[in-house]
């Protein structure tokens, strides 16, 4: 039984375009209640930032209203946003985390 000639299979494969996955930046948003220590804890535990880098990002959140935690493919960014938002809820902080396509 034949499902097509090898030539037709090649033409289908040639027409399939592979693309790099889209990138998303994960952002923390400032509020008036979440402690700076908690933001640093989130950045070190969820985003694997050094203490120094976590402090720098935390200060951006505090002074500029937002801070970029990292750039990831969609699924990883979505997971990190979910983890941060759940940590905030469980610790009774209104900290919000979101993602934005680049």
PDB file of N, CA and C in Angstrom:
ATOM      1  N   UNK A   1       0.852  -1.173   0.000  1.00  0.00           N
ATOM      2  CA  UNK A   1       0.000   0.000   0.000  1.00  0.00           C
ATOM      3  C   UNK A   1       0.896   1.234   0.000  1.00  0.00           C
ATOM      4  N   UNK A   2       0.555   2.177  -0.843  1.00  0.00           N
ATOM      5  CA  UNK A   2       1.361   3.378  -0.968  1.00  0.00           C
ATOM      6  C   UNK A   2       0.521   4.599  -0.616  1.00  0.00           C
ATOM      7  N   UNK A   3       1.085   5.509   0.137  1.00  0.00           N
ATOM      8  CA  UNK A   3       0.376   6.726   0.550  1.00  0.00           C
ATOM      9  C   UNK A   3       0.836   7.947  -0.214  1.00  0.00           C
ATOM     10  N   UNK A   4       1.583   7.789  -1.191  1.00  0.00           N
ATOM     11  CA  UNK A   4       2.062   8.917  -1.984  1.00  0.00           C
ATOM     12  C   UNK A   4       3.507   8.707  -2.353  1.00  0.00           C
ATOM     13  N   UNK A   5       3.900   9.356  -3.362  1.00  0.00           N
ATOM     14  CA  UNK A   5       5.279   9.207  -3.796  1.00  0.00           C
ATOM     15  C   UNK A   5       6.200  10.017  -2.890  1.00  0.00           C
ATOM     16  N   UNK A   6       7.452   9.619  -2.821  1.00  0.00           N
ATOM     17  CA  UNK A   6       8.414  10.382  -2.007  1.00  0.00           C
ATOM     18  C   UNK A   6       8.513  11.831  -2.448  1.00  0.00           C
ATOM     19  N   UNK A   7       8.273  12.075  -3.726  1.00  0.00           N
ATOM     20  CA  UNK A   7       8.344  13.448  -4.220  1.00  0.00           C
ATOM     21  C   UNK A   7       7.271  14.326  -3.587  1.00  0.00           C
ATOM     22  N   UNK A   8       6.049  13.772  -3.405  1.00  0.00           N
ATOM     23  CA  UNK A   8       4.984  14.575  -2.805  1.00  0.00           C
ATOM     24  C   UNK A   8       5.263  14.823  -1.329  1.00  0.00           C
ATOM     25  N   UNK A   9       5.908  13.868  -0.647  1.00  0.00           N
ATOM     26  CA  UNK A   9       6.252  14.070   0.759  1.00  0.00           C
ATOM     27  C   UNK A   9       7.272  15.190   0.917  1.00  0.00           C
ATOM     28  N   UNK A  10       8.240  15.249   0.036  1.00  0.00           N
ATOM     29  CA  UNK A  10       9.253  16.293   0.099  1.00  0.00           C
ATOM     30  C   UNK A  10       8.636  17.664  -0.102  1.00  0.00           C
ATOM     31  N   UNK A  11       7.695  17.778  -1.015  1.00  0.00           N
ATOM     32  CA  UNK A  11       7.106  19.090  -1.264  1.00  0.00           C
ATOM     33  C   UNK A  11       6.298  19.567  -0.057  1.00  0.00           C
ATOM     34  N   UNK A  12       5.657  18.649   0.675  1.00  0.00           N
ATOM     35  CA  UNK A  12       4.925  19.031   1.884  1.00  0.00           C
ATOM     36  C   UNK A  12       5.904  19.475   2.960  1.00  0.00           C
ATOM     37  N   UNK A  13       6.983  18.702   3.142  1.00  0.00           N
ATOM     38  CA  UNK A  13       7.979  19.058   4.146  1.00  0.00           C
ATOM     39  C   UNK A  13       8.640  20.391   3.835  1.00  0.00           C
ATOM     40  N   UNK A  14       8.887  20.641   2.556  1.00  0.00           N
ATOM     41  CA  UNK A  14       9.516  21.895   2.156  1.00  0.00           C
ATOM     42  C   UNK A  14       8.617  23.091   2.428  1.00  0.00           C
ATOM     43  N   UNK A  15       7.309  22.872   2.409  1.00  0.00           N
ATOM     44  CA  UNK A  15       6.387  23.990   2.609  1.00  0.00           C
ATOM     45  C   UNK A  15       6.134  24.290   4.087  1.00  0.00           C
ATOM     46  N   UNK A  16       6.576  23.386   4.973  1.00  0.00           N
ATOM     47  CA  UNK A  16       6.398  23.617   6.408  1.00  0.00           C
ATOM     48  C   UNK A  16       7.485  24.561   6.885  1.00  0.00           C
ATOM     49  N   UNK A  17       7.059  25.636   7.491  1.00  0.00           N
ATOM     50  CA  UNK A  17       7.985  26.659   7.948  1.00  0.00           C
ATOM     51  C   UNK A  17       8.199  26.503   9.451  1.00  0.00           C
ATOM     52  N   UNK A  18       9.442  26.465   9.871  1.00  0.00           N
ATOM     53  CA  UNK A  18       9.715  26.415  11.307  1.00  0.00           C
ATOM     54  C   UNK A  18      10.062  27.814  11.777  1.00  0.00           C
ATOM     55  N   UNK A  19       9.518  28.161  12.935  1.00  0.00           N
ATOM     56  CA  UNK A  19       9.772  29.491  13.497  1.00  0.00           C
ATOM     57  C   UNK A  19      10.274  29.344  14.914  1.00  0.00           C
ATOM     58  N   UNK A  20      11.037  30.323  15.329  1.00  0.00           N
ATOM     59  CA  UNK A  20      11.466  30.381  16.717  1.00  0.00           C
ATOM     60  C   UNK A  20      10.239  30.695  17.570  1.00  0.00           C
ATOM     61  N   UNK A  21      10.171  30.138  18.782  1.00  0.00           N
ATOM     62  CA  UNK A  21       9.028  30.476  19.637  1.00  0.00           C
ATOM     63  C   UNK A  21       9.063  31.954  20.022  1.00  0.00           C
ATOM     64  N   UNK A  22       7.895  32.543  20.172  1.00  0.00           N
ATOM     65  CA  UNK A  22       7.810  33.946  20.556  1.00  0.00           C
ATOM     66  C   UNK A  22       8.378  34.168  21.945  1.00  0.00           C
ATOM     67  N   UNK A  23       8.888  35.356  22.173  1.00  0.00           N
ATOM     68  CA  UNK A  23       9.457  35.686  23.477  1.00  0.00           C
ATOM     69  C   UNK A  23       8.550  36.666  24.202  1.00  0.00           C
ATOM     70  N   UNK A  24       8.499  36.505  25.506  1.00  0.00           N
ATOM     71  CA  UNK A  24       7.652  37.337  26.362  1.00  0.00           C
ATOM     72  C   UNK A  24       8.473  37.833  27.533  1.00  0.00           C
ATOM     73  N   UNK A  25       8.281  39.105  27.884  1.00  0.00           N
ATOM     74  CA  UNK A  25       8.938  39.597  29.095  1.00  0.00           C
ATOM     75  C   UNK A  25       7.956  39.457  30.249  1.00  0.00           C
ATOM     76  N   UNK A  26       8.494  39.043  31.382  1.00  0.00           N
ATOM     77  CA  UNK A  26       7.704  38.893  32.603  1.00  0.00           C
ATOM     78  C   UNK A  26       7.958  40.135  33.441  1.00  0.00           C
ATOM     79  N   UNK A  27       6.861  40.754  33.894  1.00  0.00           N
ATOM     80  CA  UNK A  27       6.922  42.063  34.538  1.00  0.00           C
ATOM     81  C   UNK A  27       6.279  42.009  35.920  1.00  0.00           C
ATOM     82  N   UNK A  28       6.942  42.638  36.901  1.00  0.00           N
ATOM     83  CA  UNK A  28       6.342  42.865  38.220  1.00  0.00           C
ATOM     84  C   UNK A  28       5.829  44.292  38.257  1.00  0.00           C
ATOM     85  N   UNK A  29       4.675  44.479  38.903  1.00  0.00           N
ATOM     86  CA  UNK A  29       4.038  45.795  38.993  1.00  0.00           C
ATOM     87  C   UNK A  29       4.065  46.287  40.443  1.00  0.00           C
ATOM     88  N   UNK A  30       4.376  47.553  40.610  1.00  0.00           N
ATOM     89  CA  UNK A  30       4.461  48.142  41.935  1.00  0.00           C
ATOM     90  C   UNK A  30       3.082  48.264  42.585  1.00  0.00           C
ATOM     91  N   UNK A  31       3.075  48.180  43.895  1.00  0.00           N
ATOM     92  CA  UNK A  31       1.891  48.485  44.701  1.00  0.00           C
ATOM     93  C   UNK A  31       2.392  49.096  46.005  1.00  0.00           C
ATOM     94  N   UNK A  32       1.485  49.555  46.825  1.00  0.00           N
ATOM     95  CA  UNK A  32       1.878  50.244  48.059  1.00  0.00           C
ATOM     96  C   UNK A  32       1.970  49.331  49.278  1.00  0.00           C
ATOM     97  N   UNK A  33       1.820  48.028  49.102  1.00  0.00           N
ATOM     98  CA  UNK A  33       1.748  47.135  50.259  1.00  0.00           C
ATOM     99  C   UNK A  33       2.768  46.004  50.271  1.00  0.00           C
ATOM    100  N   UNK A  34       3.138  45.510  49.112  1.00  0.00           N
ATOM    101  CA  UNK A  34       4.089  44.390  49.055  1.00  0.00           C
ATOM    102  C   UNK A  34       5.456  44.861  49.534  1.00  0.00           C
ATOM    103  N   UNK A  35       6.052  44.088  50.426  1.00  0.00           N
ATOM    104  CA  UNK A  35       7.350  44.489  50.973  1.00  0.00           C
ATOM    105  C   UNK A  35       8.468  44.269  49.952  1.00  0.00           C
ATOM    106  N   UNK A  36       9.498  45.078  50.088  1.00  0.00           N
ATOM    107  CA  UNK A  36      10.660  44.941  49.213  1.00  0.00           C
ATOM    108  C   UNK A  36      11.321  43.582  49.422  1.00  0.00           C
ATOM    109  N   UNK A  37      11.344  43.108  50.655  1.00  0.00           N
ATOM    110  CA  UNK A  37      11.939  41.798  50.950  1.00  0.00           C
ATOM    111  C   UNK A  37      11.203  40.679  50.216  1.00  0.00           C
ATOM    112  N   UNK A  38       9.865  40.778  50.147  1.00  0.00           N
ATOM    113  CA  UNK A  38       9.099  39.747  49.447  1.00  0.00           C
ATOM    114  C   UNK A  38       9.406  39.775  47.951  1.00  0.00           C
ATOM    115  N   UNK A  39       9.523  40.956  47.379  1.00  0.00           N
ATOM    116  CA  UNK A  39       9.846  41.077  45.949  1.00  0.00           C
ATOM    117  C   UNK A  39      11.214  40.461  45.675  1.00  0.00           C
ATOM    118  N   UNK A  40      12.188  40.725  46.524  1.00  0.00           N
ATOM    119  CA  UNK A  40      13.518  40.135  46.363  1.00  0.00           C
ATOM    120  C   UNK A  40      13.429  38.618  46.479  1.00  0.00           C
ATOM    121  N   UNK A  41      12.642  38.123  47.420  1.00  0.00           N
ATOM    122  CA  UNK A  41      12.459  36.675  47.588  1.00  0.00           C
ATOM    123  C   UNK A  41      11.875  36.061  46.318  1.00  0.00           C
ATOM    124  N   UNK A  42      10.877  36.701  45.729  1.00  0.00           N
ATOM    125  CA  UNK A  42      10.275  36.223  44.486  1.00  0.00           C
ATOM    126  C   UNK A  42      11.325  36.177  43.377  1.00  0.00           C
ATOM    127  N   UNK A  43      12.086  37.239  43.253  1.00  0.00           N
ATOM    128  CA  UNK A  43      13.075  37.322  42.177  1.00  0.00           C
ATOM    129  C   UNK A  43      14.188  36.288  42.327  1.00  0.00           C
ATOM    130  N   UNK A  44      14.590  36.005  43.539  1.00  0.00           N
ATOM    131  CA  UNK A  44      15.651  35.016  43.737  1.00  0.00           C
ATOM    132  C   UNK A  44      15.122  33.594  43.617  1.00  0.00           C
ATOM    133  N   UNK A  45      13.909  33.342  44.096  1.00  0.00           N
ATOM    134  CA  UNK A  45      13.403  31.967  44.095  1.00  0.00           C
ATOM    135  C   UNK A  45      12.728  31.566  42.784  1.00  0.00           C
ATOM    136  N   UNK A  46      11.982  32.448  42.168  1.00  0.00           N
ATOM    137  CA  UNK A  46      11.257  32.103  40.937  1.00  0.00           C
ATOM    138  C   UNK A  46      12.098  32.363  39.692  1.00  0.00           C
ATOM    139  N   UNK A  47      12.877  33.454  39.713  1.00  0.00           N
ATOM    140  CA  UNK A  47      13.616  33.854  38.522  1.00  0.00           C
ATOM    141  C   UNK A  47      15.117  33.583  38.628  1.00  0.00           C
ATOM    142  N   UNK A  48      15.532  32.975  39.744  1.00  0.00           N
ATOM    143  CA  UNK A  48      16.945  32.608  39.965  1.00  0.00           C
ATOM    144  C   UNK A  48      17.902  33.782  39.817  1.00  0.00           C
ATOM    145  N   UNK A  49      17.483  34.951  40.281  1.00  0.00           N
ATOM    146  CA  UNK A  49      18.337  36.141  40.225  1.00  0.00           C
ATOM    147  C   UNK A  49      19.271  36.146  41.431  1.00  0.00           C
ATOM    148  N   UNK A  50      20.453  36.712  41.239  1.00  0.00           N
ATOM    149  CA  UNK A  50      21.349  36.900  42.376  1.00  0.00           C
ATOM    150  C   UNK A  50      20.717  37.950  43.295  1.00  0.00           C
ATOM    151  N   UNK A  51      21.191  38.015  44.511  1.00  0.00           N
ATOM    152  CA  UNK A  51      20.645  38.993  45.459  1.00  0.00           C
ATOM    153  C   UNK A  51      20.832  40.418  44.926  1.00  0.00           C
ATOM    154  N   UNK A  52      21.982  40.681  44.321  1.00  0.00           N
ATOM    155  CA  UNK A  52      22.266  42.018  43.788  1.00  0.00           C
ATOM    156  C   UNK A  52      21.325  42.367  42.636  1.00  0.00           C
ATOM    157  N   UNK A  53      21.144  41.427  41.710  1.00  0.00           N
ATOM    158  CA  UNK A  53      20.247  41.683  40.568  1.00  0.00           C
ATOM    159  C   UNK A  53      18.799  41.801  41.033  1.00  0.00           C
ATOM    160  N   UNK A  54      18.409  40.975  42.000  1.00  0.00           N
ATOM    161  CA  UNK A  54      17.051  41.044  42.541  1.00  0.00           C
ATOM    162  C   UNK A  54      16.801  42.413  43.179  1.00  0.00           C
ATOM    163  N   UNK A  55      17.787  42.939  43.887  1.00  0.00           N
ATOM    164  CA  UNK A  55      17.643  44.269  44.481  1.00  0.00           C
ATOM    165  C   UNK A  55      17.500  45.349  43.415  1.00  0.00           C
ATOM    166  N   UNK A  56      18.272  45.226  42.336  1.00  0.00           N
ATOM    167  CA  UNK A  56      18.190  46.201  41.249  1.00  0.00           C
ATOM    168  C   UNK A  56      16.796  46.186  40.598  1.00  0.00           C
ATOM    169  N   UNK A  57      16.276  44.996  40.325  1.00  0.00           N
ATOM    170  CA  UNK A  57      14.943  44.881  39.715  1.00  0.00           C
ATOM    171  C   UNK A  57      13.882  45.383  40.686  1.00  0.00           C
ATOM    172  N   UNK A  58      14.015  45.024  41.961  1.00  0.00           N
ATOM    173  CA  UNK A  58      13.059  45.470  42.981  1.00  0.00           C
ATOM    174  C   UNK A  58      13.020  46.992  43.040  1.00  0.00           C
ATOM    175  N   UNK A  59      14.185  47.652  42.949  1.00  0.00           N
ATOM    176  CA  UNK A  59      14.216  49.115  42.971  1.00  0.00           C
ATOM    177  C   UNK A  59      13.567  49.714  41.724  1.00  0.00           C
ATOM    178  N   UNK A  60      13.710  49.044  40.579  1.00  0.00           N
ATOM    179  CA  UNK A  60      13.000  49.488  39.372  1.00  0.00           C
ATOM    180  C   UNK A  60      11.489  49.415  39.580  1.00  0.00           C
ATOM    181  N   UNK A  61      11.037  48.332  40.180  1.00  0.00           N
ATOM    182  CA  UNK A  61       9.603  48.186  40.462  1.00  0.00           C
ATOM    183  C   UNK A  61       9.157  49.317  41.377  1.00  0.00           C
ATOM    184  N   UNK A  62       9.931  49.565  42.407  1.00  0.00           N
ATOM    185  CA  UNK A  62       9.584  50.581  43.402  1.00  0.00           C
ATOM    186  C   UNK A  62       9.596  51.991  42.812  1.00  0.00           C
ATOM    187  N   UNK A  63      10.637  52.314  42.040  1.00  0.00           N
ATOM    188  CA  UNK A  63      10.807  53.689  41.546  1.00  0.00           C
ATOM    189  C   UNK A  63      10.097  53.963  40.224  1.00  0.00           C
ATOM    190  N   UNK A  64      10.054  52.968  39.332  1.00  0.00           N
ATOM    191  CA  UNK A  64       9.500  53.184  37.996  1.00  0.00           C
ATOM    192  C   UNK A  64       8.109  52.592  37.807  1.00  0.00           C
ATOM    193  N   UNK A  65       7.661  51.811  38.785  1.00  0.00           N
ATOM    194  CA  UNK A  65       6.324  51.214  38.697  1.00  0.00           C
ATOM    195  C   UNK A  65       6.296  49.814  38.132  1.00  0.00           C
ATOM    196  N   UNK A  66       7.331  49.437  37.386  1.00  0.00           N
ATOM    197  CA  UNK A  66       7.433  48.073  36.859  1.00  0.00           C
ATOM    198  C   UNK A  66       8.894  47.655  36.836  1.00  0.00           C
ATOM    199  N   UNK A  67       9.098  46.362  36.768  1.00  0.00           N
ATOM    200  CA  UNK A  67      10.439  45.816  36.617  1.00  0.00           C
ATOM    201  C   UNK A  67      10.370  44.546  35.800  1.00  0.00           C
ATOM    202  N   UNK A  68      11.273  44.402  34.854  1.00  0.00           N
ATOM    203  CA  UNK A  68      11.315  43.212  34.010  1.00  0.00           C
ATOM    204  C   UNK A  68      12.145  42.142  34.719  1.00  0.00           C
ATOM    205  N   UNK A  69      11.523  40.981  34.898  1.00  0.00           N
ATOM    206  CA  UNK A  69      12.170  39.872  35.607  1.00  0.00           C
ATOM    207  C   UNK A  69      12.965  38.975  34.674  1.00  0.00           C
ATOM    208  N   UNK A  70      12.579  38.943  33.404  1.00  0.00           N
ATOM    209  CA  UNK A  70      13.264  38.098  32.441  1.00  0.00           C
ATOM    210  C   UNK A  70      12.462  37.966  31.167  1.00  0.00           C
ATOM    211  N   UNK A  71      13.066  37.326  30.183  1.00  0.00           N
ATOM    212  CA  UNK A  71      12.428  37.099  28.892  1.00  0.00           C
ATOM    213  C   UNK A  71      12.434  35.596  28.639  1.00  0.00           C
ATOM    214  N   UNK A  72      11.253  35.059  28.325  1.00  0.00           N
ATOM    215  CA  UNK A  72      11.057  33.616  28.213  1.00  0.00           C
ATOM    216  C   UNK A  72      10.120  33.289  27.062  1.00  0.00           C
ATOM    217  N   UNK A  73      10.109  32.012  26.665  1.00  0.00           N
ATOM    218  CA  UNK A  73       9.091  31.576  25.714  1.00  0.00           C
ATOM    219  C   UNK A  73       7.750  31.567  26.439  1.00  0.00           C
ATOM    220  N   UNK A  74       6.669  31.524  25.680  1.00  0.00           N
ATOM    221  CA  UNK A  74       5.320  31.702  26.225  1.00  0.00           C
ATOM    222  C   UNK A  74       5.019  30.801  27.419  1.00  0.00           C
ATOM    223  N   UNK A  75       5.257  29.503  27.278  1.00  0.00           N
ATOM    224  CA  UNK A  75       4.880  28.562  28.334  1.00  0.00           C
ATOM    225  C   UNK A  75       5.639  28.821  29.628  1.00  0.00           C
ATOM    226  N   UNK A  76       6.911  29.129  29.523  1.00  0.00           N
ATOM    227  CA  UNK A  76       7.705  29.396  30.729  1.00  0.00           C
ATOM    228  C   UNK A  76       7.280  30.719  31.361  1.00  0.00           C
ATOM    229  N   UNK A  77       7.073  31.749  30.540  1.00  0.00           N
ATOM    230  CA  UNK A  77       6.615  33.042  31.062  1.00  0.00           C
ATOM    231  C   UNK A  77       5.283  32.881  31.769  1.00  0.00           C
ATOM    232  N   UNK A  78       4.365  32.162  31.159  1.00  0.00           N
ATOM    233  CA  UNK A  78       3.037  31.946  31.736  1.00  0.00           C
ATOM    234  C   UNK A  78       3.134  31.221  33.082  1.00  0.00           C
ATOM    235  N   UNK A  79       4.005  30.235  33.154  1.00  0.00           N
ATOM    236  CA  UNK A  79       4.184  29.488  34.404  1.00  0.00           C
ATOM    237  C   UNK A  79       4.769  30.378  35.495  1.00  0.00           C
ATOM    238  N   UNK A  80       5.764  31.179  35.157  1.00  0.00           N
ATOM    239  CA  UNK A  80       6.377  32.066  36.152  1.00  0.00           C
ATOM    240  C   UNK A  80       5.372  33.109  36.644  1.00  0.00           C
ATOM    241  N   UNK A  81       4.574  33.661  35.753  1.00  0.00           N
ATOM    242  CA  UNK A  81       3.535  34.624  36.154  1.00  0.00           C
ATOM    243  C   UNK A  81       2.576  33.957  37.137  1.00  0.00           C
ATOM    244  N   UNK A  82       2.159  32.759  36.833  1.00  0.00           N
ATOM    245  CA  UNK A  82       1.233  32.036  37.704  1.00  0.00           C
ATOM    246  C   UNK A  82       1.855  31.789  39.082  1.00  0.00           C
ATOM    247  N   UNK A  83       3.096  31.338  39.102  1.00  0.00           N
ATOM    248  CA  UNK A  83       3.773  31.050  40.378  1.00  0.00           C
ATOM    249  C   UNK A  83       3.881  32.316  41.224  1.00  0.00           C
ATOM    250  N   UNK A  84       4.292  33.422  40.617  1.00  0.00           N
ATOM    251  CA  UNK A  84       4.430  34.682  41.365  1.00  0.00           C
ATOM    252  C   UNK A  84       3.085  35.122  41.910  1.00  0.00           C
ATOM    253  N   UNK A  85       2.058  35.090  41.084  1.00  0.00           N
ATOM    254  CA  UNK A  85       0.736  35.534  41.545  1.00  0.00           C
ATOM    255  C   UNK A  85       0.209  34.636  42.665  1.00  0.00           C
ATOM    256  N   UNK A  86       0.479  33.343  42.600  1.00  0.00           N
ATOM    257  CA  UNK A  86       0.072  32.436  43.677  1.00  0.00           C
ATOM    258  C   UNK A  86       0.862  32.691  44.956  1.00  0.00           C
ATOM    259  N   UNK A  87       2.164  32.950  44.826  1.00  0.00           N
ATOM    260  CA  UNK A  87       2.977  33.285  46.007  1.00  0.00           C
ATOM    261  C   UNK A  87       2.437  34.539  46.688  1.00  0.00           C
ATOM    262  N   UNK A  88       2.087  35.538  45.877  1.00  0.00           N
ATOM    263  CA  UNK A  88       1.567  36.795  46.424  1.00  0.00           C
ATOM    264  C   UNK A  88       0.261  36.548  47.180  1.00  0.00           C
ATOM    265  N   UNK A  89      -0.632  35.791  46.587  1.00  0.00           N
ATOM    266  CA  UNK A  89      -1.916  35.494  47.236  1.00  0.00           C
ATOM    267  C   UNK A  89      -1.683  34.756  48.545  1.00  0.00           C
ATOM    268  N   UNK A  90      -0.827  33.727  48.523  1.00  0.00           N
ATOM    269  CA  UNK A  90      -0.574  32.920  49.726  1.00  0.00           C
ATOM    270  C   UNK A  90       0.111  33.707  50.833  1.00  0.00           C
ATOM    271  N   UNK A  91       0.785  34.793  50.462  1.00  0.00           N
ATOM    272  CA  UNK A  91       1.454  35.628  51.462  1.00  0.00           C
ATOM    273  C   UNK A  91       0.698  36.928  51.738  1.00  0.00           C
ATOM    274  N   UNK A  92      -0.532  37.009  51.221  1.00  0.00           N
ATOM    275  CA  UNK A  92      -1.430  38.156  51.434  1.00  0.00           C
ATOM    276  C   UNK A  92      -0.859  39.482  50.945  1.00  0.00           C
ATOM    277  N   UNK A  93      -0.181  39.430  49.782  1.00  0.00           N
ATOM    278  CA  UNK A  93       0.311  40.648  49.149  1.00  0.00           C
ATOM    279  C   UNK A  93      -0.438  40.880  47.840  1.00  0.00           C
ATOM    280  N   UNK A  94      -0.644  42.141  47.470  1.00  0.00           N
ATOM    281  CA  UNK A  94      -1.333  42.426  46.205  1.00  0.00           C
ATOM    282  C   UNK A  94      -0.395  42.480  44.991  1.00  0.00           C
ATOM    283  N   UNK A  95       0.837  41.996  45.127  1.00  0.00           N
ATOM    284  CA  UNK A  95       1.804  42.028  44.034  1.00  0.00           C
ATOM    285  C   UNK A  95       1.213  41.373  42.791  1.00  0.00           C
ATOM    286  N   UNK A  96       1.372  42.034  41.663  1.00  0.00           N
ATOM    287  CA  UNK A  96       0.893  41.504  40.385  1.00  0.00           C
ATOM    288  C   UNK A  96       2.071  41.278  39.453  1.00  0.00           C
ATOM    289  N   UNK A  97       1.967  40.192  38.723  1.00  0.00           N
ATOM    290  CA  UNK A  97       2.970  39.833  37.738  1.00  0.00           C
ATOM    291  C   UNK A  97       2.232  39.587  36.430  1.00  0.00           C
ATOM    292  N   UNK A  98       2.812  40.051  35.333  1.00  0.00           N
ATOM    293  CA  UNK A  98       2.190  39.863  34.029  1.00  0.00           C
ATOM    294  C   UNK A  98       3.256  39.545  32.994  1.00  0.00           C
ATOM    295  N   UNK A  99       2.811  39.234  31.784  1.00  0.00           N
ATOM    296  CA  UNK A  99       3.730  38.975  30.691  1.00  0.00           C
ATOM    297  C   UNK A  99       3.297  39.774  29.476  1.00  0.00           C
ATOM    298  N   UNK A 100       4.277  40.141  28.673  1.00  0.00           N
ATOM    299  CA  UNK A 100       4.019  40.984  27.507  1.00  0.00           C
ATOM    300  C   UNK A 100       4.875  40.473  26.359  1.00  0.00           C
ATOM    301  N   UNK A 101       4.259  40.279  25.201  1.00  0.00           N
ATOM    302  CA  UNK A 101       4.998  39.797  24.047  1.00  0.00           C
ATOM    303  C   UNK A 101       5.978  40.845  23.543  1.00  0.00           C
ATOM    304  N   UNK A 102       7.152  40.397  23.153  1.00  0.00           N
ATOM    305  CA  UNK A 102       8.158  41.304  22.587  1.00  0.00           C
ATOM    306  C   UNK A 102       7.903  41.536  21.108  1.00  0.00           C
TER     307      UNK A 102
END
